[in-house]
C-alpha atoms as a PDB file:
ATOM      1  CA  MET A   1      69.631 143.015  67.720  1.00  0.00           C
ATOM      2  CA  ASN A   2      72.465 140.857  68.506  1.00  0.00           C
ATOM      3  CA  ASP A   3      70.341 137.798  68.678  1.00  0.00           C
ATOM      4  CA  PRO A   4      67.133 138.540  66.989  1.00  0.00           C
ATOM      5  CA  ASN A   5      66.109 134.824  66.713  1.00  0.00           C
ATOM      6  CA  PHE A   6      66.202 134.309  70.580  1.00  0.00           C
ATOM      7  CA  CYS A   7      62.801 133.808  71.926  1.00  0.00           C
ATOM      8  CA  CYS A   8      60.998 136.539  74.051  1.00  0.00           C
ATOM      9  CA  GLY A   9      59.780 133.858  76.568  1.00  0.00           C
ATOM     10  CA  SER A  10      56.145 133.891  75.676  1.00  0.00           C
ATOM     11  CA  ALA A  11      55.924 130.544  73.716  1.00  0.00           C
ATOM     12  CA  GLY A  12      52.398 130.117  73.561  1.00  0.00           C
ATOM     13  CA  VAL A  13      51.362 129.739  77.293  1.00  0.00           C
ATOM     14  CA  TYR A  14      54.910 129.181  78.578  1.00  0.00           C
ATOM     15  CA  ASN A  15      54.828 132.703  80.242  1.00  0.00           C
ATOM     16  CA  LEU A  16      51.879 131.597  82.195  1.00  0.00           C
ATOM     17  CA  VAL A  17      52.907 128.104  83.389  1.00  0.00           C
ATOM     18  CA  GLN A  18      56.507 128.936  83.713  1.00  0.00           C
ATOM     19  CA  HIS A  19      56.314 132.504  84.726  1.00  0.00           C
ATOM     20  CA  GLU A  20      59.578 133.034  86.452  1.00  0.00           C
ATOM     21  CA  SER A  21      61.539 131.310  83.764  1.00  0.00           C
ATOM     22  CA  SER A  22      59.738 133.349  81.172  1.00  0.00           C
ATOM     23  CA  MET A  23      60.667 136.416  82.770  1.00  0.00           C
ATOM     24  CA  LYS A  24      64.370 135.578  82.854  1.00  0.00           C
ATOM     25  CA  ILE A  25      64.207 134.895  79.075  1.00  0.00           C
ATOM     26  CA  LEU A  26      62.291 138.263  78.547  1.00  0.00           C
ATOM     27  CA  ASP A  27      64.859 140.183  80.390  1.00  0.00           C
ATOM     28  CA  MET A  28      67.523 138.763  78.151  1.00  0.00           C
ATOM     29  CA  LYS A  29      65.501 139.739  75.040  1.00  0.00           C
ATOM     30  CA  MET A  30      64.856 143.136  76.384  1.00  0.00           C
ATOM     31  CA  LYS A  31      68.487 143.676  77.305  1.00  0.00           C
ATOM     32  CA  ASP A  32      69.348 142.926  73.564  1.00  0.00           C
ATOM     33  CA  ALA A  33      66.518 145.034  72.391  1.00  0.00           C
ATOM     34  CA  GLY A  34      67.539 147.995  74.505  1.00  0.00           C
ATOM     35  CA  SER A  35      71.049 147.824  73.230  1.00  0.00           C
ATOM     36  CA  THR A  36      69.763 148.938  69.895  1.00  0.00           C
ATOM     37  CA  LYS A  37      68.984 152.548  68.807  1.00  0.00           C
ATOM     38  CA  THR A  38      65.641 151.685  67.722  1.00  0.00           C
ATOM     39  CA  SER A  39      62.466 153.226  69.288  1.00  0.00           C
ATOM     40  CA  THR A  40      60.216 150.456  67.845  1.00  0.00           C
ATOM     41  CA  ILE A  41      60.168 146.636  68.132  1.00  0.00           C
ATOM     42  CA  VAL A  42      58.195 144.853  65.269  1.00  0.00           C
ATOM     43  CA  THR A  43      56.730 141.612  65.535  1.00  0.00           C
ATOM     44  CA  THR A  44      54.093 139.448  63.730  1.00  0.00           C
ATOM     45  CA  ASN A  45      53.274 136.948  66.619  1.00  0.00           C
ATOM     46  CA  PRO A  46      50.396 138.135  68.876  1.00  0.00           C
ATOM     47  CA  GLY A  47      52.032 136.444  71.854  1.00  0.00           C
ATOM     48  CA  CYS A  48      55.322 137.871  71.257  1.00  0.00           C
ATOM     49  CA  LEU A  49      53.722 141.296  70.926  1.00  0.00           C
ATOM     50  CA  LEU A  50      52.119 141.176  74.323  1.00  0.00           C
ATOM     51  CA  GLN A  51      55.256 139.859  75.829  1.00  0.00           C
ATOM     52  CA  MET A  52      57.508 142.506  74.130  1.00  0.00           C
ATOM     53  CA  LYS A  53      55.056 145.306  75.268  1.00  0.00           C
ATOM     54  CA  TYR A  54      55.427 144.109  78.786  1.00  0.00           C
ATOM     55  CA  GLY A  55      59.185 143.625  78.446  1.00  0.00           C
ATOM     56  CA  ALA A  56      59.636 147.109  77.222  1.00  0.00           C
ATOM     57  CA  GLU A  57      57.541 148.485  80.186  1.00  0.00           C
ATOM     58  CA  ARG A  58      59.360 146.314  82.553  1.00  0.00           C
ATOM     59  CA  ALA A  59      62.775 147.054  81.366  1.00  0.00           C
ATOM     60  CA  GLY A  60      62.038 150.749  80.848  1.00  0.00           C
ATOM     61  CA  THR A  61      63.689 150.799  77.439  1.00  0.00           C
ATOM     62  CA  ARG A  62      61.137 153.436  76.256  1.00  0.00           C
ATOM     63  CA  GLN A  63      60.629 151.425  73.119  1.00  0.00           C
ATOM     64  CA  ARG A  64      57.258 150.374  71.813  1.00  0.00           C
ATOM     65  CA  ALA A  65      56.255 147.110  70.405  1.00  0.00           C
ATOM     66  CA  VAL A  66      53.744 146.961  67.511  1.00  0.00           C
ATOM     67  CA  HIS A  67      52.610 144.270  65.100  1.00  0.00           C
ATOM     68  CA  LEU A  68      53.828 144.604  61.523  1.00  0.00           C
ATOM     69  CA  VAL A  69      50.339 145.507  60.274  1.00  0.00           C
ATOM     70  CA  GLU A  70      50.168 148.410  62.827  1.00  0.00           C
ATOM     71  CA  LEU A  71      53.525 149.785  61.559  1.00  0.00           C
ATOM     72  CA  LEU A  72      52.336 149.489  58.022  1.00  0.00           C
ATOM     73  CA  MET A  73      49.076 151.293  58.820  1.00  0.00           C
ATOM     74  CA  GLU A  74      51.100 154.093  60.362  1.00  0.00           C
ATOM     75  CA  ALA A  75      52.979 154.392  57.083  1.00  0.00           C
ATOM     76  CA  GLY A  76      49.939 155.475  55.271  1.00  0.00           C
ATOM     77  CA  PRO A  77      47.891 154.214  52.465  1.00  0.00           C
ATOM     78  CA  VAL A  78      49.443 152.644  49.499  1.00  0.00           C
ATOM     79  CA  PRO A  79      49.070 154.998  46.407  1.00  0.00           C
ATOM     80  CA  LYS A  80      46.325 153.598  43.868  1.00  0.00           C
ATOM     81  CA  ASP A  81      48.713 153.733  40.989  1.00  0.00           C
ATOM     82  CA  ALA A  82      51.450 151.536  42.886  1.00  0.00           C
END
């Protein structure tokens, strides 16, 4: 992303108490995410994960948002001799 540190608009409960502003921030984040060639958005923050999942659906980017642990689980088990 061009601005990976830019907030997704969730910010705890900001997306609930300031919904309209939160959606504007999310739209900017999803525009940035959508400009990449990636199919997966990875985050470790549960609030961001929910916000990014909604954002990808809302923006129609066809990207999926996953928690880092989910991505590691998809990669498979760690070899025992590693």
